[in-house]
Protein backbone atom coordinates (compact mmCIF):
# COMPACT_ATOMS: atom_id res chain seq x y z
CA MET A 1 -22.88 -13.16 3.52
CA PHE A 2 -20.44 -15.89 4.00
CA LYS A 3 -20.46 -17.11 0.55
CA GLU A 4 -20.18 -13.41 -0.75
CA VAL A 5 -17.37 -13.07 1.00
CA GLN A 6 -15.45 -16.14 0.04
CA MET A 7 -16.51 -15.39 -3.71
CA HIS A 8 -14.93 -11.80 -3.25
CA LYS A 9 -11.57 -13.98 -2.03
CA ASP A 10 -11.81 -16.39 -4.37
CA LYS A 11 -11.98 -14.01 -7.40
CA ILE A 12 -9.56 -12.00 -5.49
CA LEU A 13 -6.86 -14.83 -5.17
CA ALA A 14 -7.10 -15.96 -8.42
CA TYR A 15 -6.26 -12.77 -9.98
CA LEU A 16 -3.42 -12.32 -7.79
CA GLU A 17 -2.25 -15.90 -8.80
CA SER A 18 -2.35 -14.53 -12.71
CA LYS A 19 -0.43 -11.82 -11.96
CA LEU A 20 2.12 -12.32 -8.76
CA ASP A 21 4.71 -15.00 -8.08
CA THR A 22 3.97 -17.33 -4.77
CA LYS A 23 6.42 -14.69 -2.48
CA ARG A 24 4.33 -11.81 -3.36
CA ILE A 25 1.61 -13.73 -2.86
CA GLY A 26 2.68 -14.44 0.35
CA HIS A 27 3.36 -11.19 1.23
CA SER A 28 -0.45 -9.44 0.10
CA VAL A 29 -1.69 -12.39 2.28
CA GLY A 30 0.28 -11.27 5.10
CA THR A 31 -0.65 -7.18 4.29
CA ALA A 32 -3.97 -8.42 4.78
CA LYS A 33 -4.30 -10.20 7.73
CA VAL A 34 -2.64 -7.64 9.41
CA ALA A 35 -5.27 -5.03 7.77
CA CYS A 36 -7.84 -6.60 8.55
CA GLN A 37 -6.85 -6.48 12.40
CA LEU A 38 -5.66 -3.03 11.84
CA ALA A 39 -8.67 -2.23 10.54
CA GLU A 40 -10.85 -4.02 13.63
CA LYS A 41 -8.95 -2.40 16.32
CA HIS A 42 -9.49 1.05 14.28
CA LYS A 43 -12.75 1.01 13.50
CA ALA A 44 -12.45 0.97 9.71
CA ASP A 45 -13.95 -0.97 7.14
CA VAL A 46 -12.50 -4.96 7.74
CA LYS A 47 -13.36 -6.36 3.58
CA LYS A 48 -12.09 -2.89 2.19
CA ALA A 49 -8.83 -3.96 4.42
CA TYR A 50 -8.87 -7.22 3.07
CA THR A 51 -9.09 -6.29 -0.46
CA ALA A 52 -6.68 -3.46 -0.66
CA GLY A 53 -4.75 -5.30 1.42
CA MET A 54 -4.58 -8.24 -0.90
CA LEU A 55 -4.60 -5.67 -3.81
CA HIS A 56 -1.70 -3.33 -3.15
CA ASP A 57 0.99 -5.10 -4.78
CA ILE A 58 -0.63 -6.28 -8.19
CA ALA A 59 1.45 -4.42 -10.20
CA LYS A 60 4.90 -4.88 -8.61
CA GLY A 61 7.42 -6.35 -10.89
CA ILE A 62 6.13 -4.55 -13.71
CA CYS A 63 8.99 -3.04 -15.34
CA GLY A 64 10.88 -1.95 -18.86
CA ASP A 65 8.71 -2.10 -21.77
CA GLN A 66 5.81 -3.42 -20.53
CA LEU A 67 5.60 -1.06 -17.51
CA GLU A 68 5.40 1.95 -19.75
CA GLN A 69 3.23 0.88 -22.48
CA MET A 70 1.14 -0.08 -19.68
CA LEU A 71 0.78 3.48 -17.91
CA ASP A 72 0.24 4.41 -21.49
CA SER A 73 -2.70 2.65 -21.32
CA PHE A 74 -3.68 3.80 -18.07
CA GLY A 75 -2.93 7.44 -19.20
CA ILE A 76 -0.43 7.59 -15.79
CA THR A 77 2.60 10.24 -16.29
CA ALA A 78 5.63 9.54 -14.48
CA ASP A 79 6.54 12.62 -11.79
CA ASP A 80 10.59 12.87 -11.89
CA THR A 81 10.69 10.85 -8.97
CA GLU A 82 9.23 8.36 -10.23
CA LYS A 83 10.77 8.58 -13.35
CA LYS A 84 14.42 8.41 -11.45
CA ASN A 85 12.79 4.90 -9.33
CA PRO A 86 9.87 3.36 -11.45
CA GLU A 87 9.73 1.03 -8.38
CA LEU A 88 7.01 3.70 -6.93
CA LEU A 89 5.06 3.53 -9.65
CA HIS A 90 3.25 0.27 -8.69
CA GLY A 91 0.62 1.79 -6.58
CA ARG A 92 -0.93 4.20 -8.74
CA LEU A 93 -0.30 1.31 -11.69
CA GLY A 94 -2.23 -1.13 -9.29
CA ALA A 95 -5.17 1.40 -8.69
CA ALA A 96 -5.36 1.52 -12.34
CA MET A 97 -5.15 -2.29 -12.88
CA VAL A 98 -7.79 -3.51 -10.26
CA ARG A 99 -10.08 -0.76 -11.31
CA HIS A 100 -10.11 -1.37 -15.15
CA GLU A 101 -9.61 -5.50 -14.60
CA LEU A 102 -11.95 -6.18 -11.41
CA GLY A 103 -14.32 -3.18 -11.95
CA ILE A 104 -13.05 -2.96 -8.10
CA THR A 105 -14.44 1.17 -8.19
CA ASP A 106 -14.97 1.57 -4.33
CA GLU A 107 -11.95 4.88 -3.92
CA ASP A 108 -10.88 4.66 -0.88
CA VAL A 109 -9.88 0.81 -1.78
CA LEU A 110 -8.34 2.46 -4.89
CA ASN A 111 -6.53 5.25 -3.33
CA ALA A 112 -4.98 2.84 -0.35
CA ILE A 113 -3.46 0.68 -2.67
CA ARG A 114 -2.42 3.99 -4.97
CA TRP A 115 -0.58 5.72 -2.09
CA HIS A 116 0.87 2.98 -0.12
CA THR A 117 3.91 3.18 -1.70
CA THR A 118 4.53 7.08 -1.28
CA GLY A 119 1.75 7.87 1.23
CA ARG A 120 0.32 11.24 1.04
CA ALA A 121 -0.88 14.82 2.64
CA GLY A 122 -4.59 13.74 4.58
CA MET A 123 -4.69 9.92 4.17
CA SER A 124 -7.50 8.35 4.77
CA LEU A 125 -7.76 6.05 8.03
CA LEU A 126 -7.79 3.17 5.15
CA GLU A 127 -5.06 4.47 3.67
CA LYS A 128 -2.63 4.71 6.57
CA ILE A 129 -3.80 0.59 6.89
CA ILE A 130 -2.84 -0.37 3.79
CA TYR A 131 0.81 1.35 3.97
CA LEU A 132 1.65 0.36 7.70
CA SER A 133 0.18 -3.26 6.80
CA ASP A 134 2.35 -3.70 4.29
CA LEU A 135 5.23 -1.93 6.06
CA ILE A 136 4.79 -4.22 9.13
CA GLU A 137 3.49 -7.61 7.91
CA PRO A 138 5.24 -11.21 9.30
CA THR A 139 7.35 -10.95 6.99
CA ARG A 140 9.01 -7.63 7.30
CA LYS A 141 12.35 -7.51 9.27
CA PHE A 142 14.02 -4.16 9.88
CA GLU A 143 15.47 -2.83 12.95
CA GLY A 144 12.76 -0.81 14.58
CA ILE A 145 9.95 -1.97 12.90
CA ASP A 146 8.83 -3.68 16.26
CA PRO A 147 7.81 -0.40 17.76
CA ILE A 148 5.52 0.48 14.93
CA ARG A 149 4.17 -2.87 14.89
CA ALA A 150 2.86 -1.99 18.52
CA LEU A 151 1.82 1.83 17.78
CA ALA A 152 -0.23 0.63 14.53
CA GLU A 153 -2.12 -0.88 17.57
CA ALA A 154 -2.65 1.21 19.81
CA ASP A 155 -2.43 4.77 17.74
CA ILE A 156 -2.72 4.71 14.01
CA ASP A 157 -1.23 8.37 13.32
CA ALA A 158 1.85 7.72 15.77
CA ALA A 159 2.59 4.54 13.63
CA MET A 160 2.65 6.88 10.71
CA CYS A 161 4.82 9.52 11.86
CA ALA A 162 7.32 6.30 12.70
CA ALA A 163 6.98 4.65 9.64
CA LEU A 164 7.72 7.49 7.70
CA LYS A 165 10.46 8.54 9.85
CA GLN A 166 11.70 4.87 9.44
CA VAL A 167 11.40 4.99 5.74
CA MET A 168 12.86 8.50 5.20
CA HIS A 169 15.82 7.00 7.26
CA PHE A 170 16.20 4.46 5.10
CA VAL A 171 16.05 6.26 1.51
CA LYS A 172 18.72 8.91 2.83
CA ILE A 173 21.14 5.52 3.93
CA LYS A 174 20.63 4.47 0.21
CA GLY A 175 21.01 7.52 -1.00
CA PHE A 176 17.66 7.65 -3.17
CA THR A 177 15.19 10.53 -3.52
CA MET A 178 12.30 10.31 -0.87
CA HIS A 179 9.44 11.29 -3.18
CA PRO A 180 7.30 14.73 -2.18
CA ASN A 181 4.42 13.06 -1.81
CA SER A 182 6.31 11.08 1.67
CA LEU A 183 7.46 14.42 2.65
CA MET A 184 4.29 15.89 2.35
CA ALA A 185 2.68 12.54 4.36
CA TYR A 186 5.63 13.16 7.06
CA HIS A 187 4.93 16.78 7.70
CA ASP A 188 0.88 16.51 7.72
CA CYS A 189 1.58 13.44 10.13
CA LEU A 190 3.27 15.70 12.76
CA GLU A 191 1.12 18.62 12.17
CA GLN A 192 -2.00 16.36 13.04
CA ARG A 193 -0.33 15.05 15.91
CA ARG A 194 0.03 19.16 17.50
């Protein structure tokens, strides 16, 4: 089993090295580490958490004509919010890439990659773990991160509410448009907490 897991890790790392710069790989490793810790804590599949954590940003940095070509090749159509902020597309594109290029077919892993940028209503436990891990991994620093980190260990749903609220605040301050899926995720989170 160890040999199989190590081969899996080696394949993922080689794939990351072919696509991302050193800083982004470091972020991916940090995200995967936090994802594994949260998966263990909340009784989720650690291997899936590792895989999704490592691969969540595989399409990060793809922009311009290359982004347009890749979206077309995978049949991905940007919505109005994504057209204004193409950065949001890297989750959807990343899920398509790892399905096609690595042969990953596990829908929970793919959805965790797909929705880590916006969240959505009805997120699975793994999706919440990857969303949070991306936000709170060790290299991230912003006001209000420590309470979210503590909540992620204790109550994954409370952490999601706090994280989404933090993101909404950031988006408002920057004058960006909040993606409708993020708003639905937040309202769903509040509803689940009642």
